[in-house]
Amino acid sequence: LLANYNITYNTANFTITKAATTTTITSTLPNPSVLQGTVVVKFTVVPQLTGTPGGNVTVSSGGNGSCTATVTAGTCSITFTNAGAFTLTAVFAGDPNFRTSTSAGFSQTVNAATVSPSPGFLTFPSQTVGTTSSAMTETVTNTGTATLTSFAFSINGTNASNFAVASTTCPTTLAPAAKCTINLTFKPTATGS
């Protein structure tokens, strides 16, 4: 016996969304760092399920520099232009299969060297034209929290050629709280100079 059968198919719409990701800054080196020094930022982008996210991650420091690298690179470098305490964030831009995500804040401290001369200016006594004065001492102190590197000094301004460095104890690097001296002389080339 054959019977008539009526078959009905139900249809449904499915929406497949991109998978979630978690972006994390895992470390910064060095931390603390120094002003104008390069900081290497390490980051990860982990998918919610399986797969490998692609695309770029941008790390920003709130207006004090940023860097962008691929997810697979896992690192990028920032050169800080200001000293202080900063919060870094990493943003994964997403790709065709994975959604964008932003890391939690990561603290970075950038220290600066600060040069403090003492006294603030030198006043040489009257000196006969063509003769060299006794040396006067300028003490330089690094009052900052970072080592001063590539330390150099020069004499500038009106009649700069009338002044000379007689001696110095200043090295090319000066650690925080360290001091050095610069001994200067005055040899006028004309009256009133």
Protein backbone atom coordinates (compact mmCIF):
# COMPACT_ATOMS: atom_id res chain seq x y z
CA LEU A 1 0.00 0.00 0.00
CA LEU A 2 1.19 3.35 -0.88
CA ALA A 3 0.11 6.41 0.95
CA ASN A 4 0.58 10.04 0.15
CA TYR A 5 3.18 11.75 2.28
CA ASN A 6 3.62 15.46 2.70
CA ILE A 7 7.11 16.45 3.73
CA THR A 8 7.70 19.93 5.15
CA TYR A 9 11.15 21.42 5.66
CA ASN A 10 11.77 24.13 8.23
CA THR A 11 14.41 26.72 7.44
CA ALA A 12 16.47 28.72 9.83
CA ASN A 13 18.93 31.56 9.54
CA PHE A 14 22.24 31.29 11.32
CA THR A 15 24.52 34.19 12.07
CA ILE A 16 28.12 33.29 12.66
CA THR A 17 30.04 36.02 14.45
CA LYS A 18 33.73 36.55 14.81
CA ALA A 19 35.38 34.83 17.75
CA ALA A 20 36.39 36.90 20.77
CA THR A 21 40.02 37.56 21.67
CA THR A 22 41.91 38.66 24.74
CA THR A 23 44.83 41.06 24.27
CA THR A 24 47.41 41.34 27.06
CA ILE A 25 50.62 43.31 27.55
CA THR A 26 52.87 40.75 29.22
CA SER A 27 55.98 42.88 29.89
CA THR A 28 57.97 46.00 29.08
CA LEU A 29 61.76 46.15 29.10
CA PRO A 30 63.25 48.08 30.71
CA ASN A 31 60.79 49.25 33.33
CA PRO A 32 61.54 51.78 34.63
CA SER A 33 63.10 53.24 31.51
CA VAL A 34 64.84 56.52 30.73
CA LEU A 35 63.71 59.48 28.69
CA GLN A 36 64.42 59.01 24.95
CA GLY A 37 65.24 55.35 25.66
CA THR A 38 63.61 52.53 23.73
CA VAL A 39 61.12 50.31 25.55
CA VAL A 40 60.27 46.88 24.11
CA VAL A 41 56.62 46.00 24.74
CA LYS A 42 55.62 42.32 24.63
CA PHE A 43 51.99 41.40 23.97
CA THR A 44 49.76 38.41 23.22
CA VAL A 45 46.41 37.99 21.48
CA VAL A 46 44.64 34.81 22.58
CA PRO A 47 41.48 33.57 20.77
CA GLN A 48 38.40 32.52 22.72
CA LEU A 49 38.36 29.14 20.98
CA THR A 50 40.84 27.86 18.43
CA GLY A 51 42.64 29.44 15.54
CA THR A 52 45.35 32.01 15.11
CA PRO A 53 44.48 35.70 15.04
CA GLY A 54 46.24 37.77 12.39
CA GLY A 55 46.62 41.46 11.80
CA ASN A 56 48.12 44.21 13.89
CA VAL A 57 48.37 45.30 17.50
CA THR A 58 48.94 48.97 18.35
CA VAL A 59 50.39 49.86 21.75
CA SER A 60 49.84 53.43 22.91
CA SER A 61 50.99 55.39 25.92
CA GLY A 62 48.45 58.18 26.15
CA GLY A 63 50.07 60.62 23.72
CA ASN A 64 53.69 59.86 24.60
CA GLY A 65 54.43 57.53 21.71
CA SER A 66 53.02 54.39 20.18
CA CYS A 67 54.09 51.39 18.14
CA THR A 68 52.40 48.86 15.87
CA ALA A 69 53.41 45.30 15.05
CA THR A 70 51.82 42.10 13.82
CA VAL A 71 50.24 39.66 16.25
CA THR A 72 52.84 37.07 15.26
CA ALA A 73 55.73 39.47 16.01
CA GLY A 74 54.50 39.78 19.61
CA THR A 75 56.62 42.87 20.34
CA CYS A 76 57.05 46.48 19.32
CA SER A 77 59.20 49.36 20.59
CA ILE A 78 58.30 52.81 21.89
CA THR A 79 60.68 55.74 22.43
CA PHE A 80 59.25 57.96 25.15
CA THR A 81 59.46 61.73 24.65
CA ASN A 82 58.29 62.70 28.15
CA ALA A 83 59.18 61.50 31.62
CA GLY A 84 56.60 60.30 34.13
CA ALA A 85 54.27 57.42 34.92
CA PHE A 86 52.28 56.12 31.95
CA THR A 87 49.61 53.53 31.33
CA LEU A 88 50.14 51.49 28.17
CA THR A 89 47.28 49.78 26.33
CA ALA A 90 47.43 47.35 23.43
CA VAL A 91 44.62 47.20 20.86
CA PHE A 92 44.22 44.23 18.53
CA ALA A 93 42.56 45.58 15.38
CA GLY A 94 40.74 42.33 14.62
CA ASP A 95 40.79 40.28 11.41
CA PRO A 96 38.17 38.47 9.27
CA ASN A 97 37.74 35.73 11.91
CA PHE A 98 38.50 37.45 15.22
CA ARG A 99 37.05 40.49 16.98
CA THR A 100 39.04 43.46 18.18
CA SER A 101 40.13 43.59 21.84
CA THR A 102 41.92 46.00 24.14
CA SER A 103 44.31 45.05 26.93
CA ALA A 104 44.11 46.17 30.51
CA GLY A 105 46.44 49.06 31.37
CA PHE A 106 50.11 48.28 31.99
CA SER A 107 52.23 50.69 34.07
CA GLN A 108 55.46 52.10 32.63
CA THR A 109 57.72 54.56 34.44
CA VAL A 110 60.00 56.83 32.43
CA ASN A 111 62.73 58.57 34.43
CA ALA A 112 64.63 61.67 33.39
CA ALA A 113 68.05 62.99 34.20
CA THR A 114 68.01 66.59 35.40
CA VAL A 115 71.12 68.75 35.41
CA SER A 116 71.36 71.31 38.18
CA PRO A 117 74.34 73.70 38.03
CA SER A 118 75.52 75.48 41.15
CA PRO A 119 75.94 78.34 41.34
CA GLY A 120 73.37 79.29 38.72
CA PHE A 121 75.85 81.73 37.15
CA LEU A 122 79.46 82.77 37.70
CA THR A 123 80.59 86.38 38.13
CA PHE A 124 84.26 86.88 37.41
CA PRO A 125 86.03 89.85 39.00
CA SER A 126 87.69 92.50 36.84
CA GLN A 127 90.54 91.07 34.81
CA THR A 128 93.33 92.78 32.88
CA VAL A 129 92.93 92.42 29.10
CA GLY A 130 94.96 89.48 27.78
CA THR A 131 95.49 87.82 31.17
CA THR A 132 93.78 84.70 32.46
CA SER A 133 91.79 84.77 35.68
CA SER A 134 91.91 82.21 38.42
CA ALA A 135 89.51 79.35 37.78
CA MET A 136 85.99 79.47 39.16
CA THR A 137 84.14 76.24 39.82
CA GLU A 138 80.70 75.24 38.59
CA THR A 139 79.29 72.11 40.25
CA VAL A 140 76.91 70.01 38.18
CA THR A 141 74.52 67.60 39.96
CA ASN A 142 72.17 65.06 38.39
CA THR A 143 69.05 65.69 40.49
CA GLY A 144 66.92 63.44 38.27
CA THR A 145 66.02 59.79 38.65
CA ALA A 146 67.87 58.51 35.58
CA THR A 147 71.50 58.37 34.54
CA LEU A 148 72.56 61.30 32.39
CA THR A 149 74.15 59.84 29.27
CA SER A 150 76.27 61.46 26.56
CA PHE A 151 76.90 64.36 28.93
CA ALA A 152 78.69 67.26 27.23
CA PHE A 153 78.87 70.99 27.81
CA SER A 154 79.94 74.08 25.90
CA ILE A 155 80.43 77.79 26.44
CA ASN A 156 78.01 79.92 24.43
CA GLY A 157 76.81 83.48 24.23
CA THR A 158 78.32 86.93 23.86
CA ASN A 159 82.13 86.89 24.11
CA ALA A 160 82.13 83.11 24.64
CA SER A 161 85.71 82.96 23.31
CA ASN A 162 86.83 84.95 26.39
CA PHE A 163 85.99 81.95 28.59
CA ALA A 164 87.63 78.52 28.71
CA VAL A 165 87.33 75.22 30.53
CA ALA A 166 90.48 74.89 32.63
CA SER A 167 89.61 71.39 33.87
CA THR A 168 86.66 69.15 34.60
CA THR A 169 85.81 66.03 36.55
CA CYS A 170 82.63 65.44 34.53
CA PRO A 171 82.38 62.04 32.82
CA THR A 172 80.17 61.29 29.81
CA THR A 173 77.61 59.63 32.11
CA LEU A 174 76.40 60.96 35.44
CA ALA A 175 74.34 58.76 37.77
CA PRO A 176 71.40 60.11 39.79
CA ALA A 177 72.65 62.24 42.73
CA ALA A 178 76.20 62.23 41.33
CA LYS A 179 78.18 65.46 41.04
CA CYS A 180 81.07 66.72 38.96
CA THR A 181 82.87 70.04 38.56
CA ILE A 182 83.79 72.30 35.68
CA ASN A 183 86.55 74.85 36.32
CA LEU A 184 86.27 77.93 34.11
CA THR A 185 88.62 80.83 33.42
CA PHE A 186 88.12 84.29 31.96
CA LYS A 187 90.61 85.99 29.61
CA PRO A 188 89.20 89.25 28.19
CA THR A 189 90.32 90.26 24.71
CA ALA A 190 89.14 93.85 25.03
CA THR A 191 88.14 96.36 27.69
CA GLY A 192 84.58 95.80 28.87
CA SER A 193 84.27 92.29 27.42
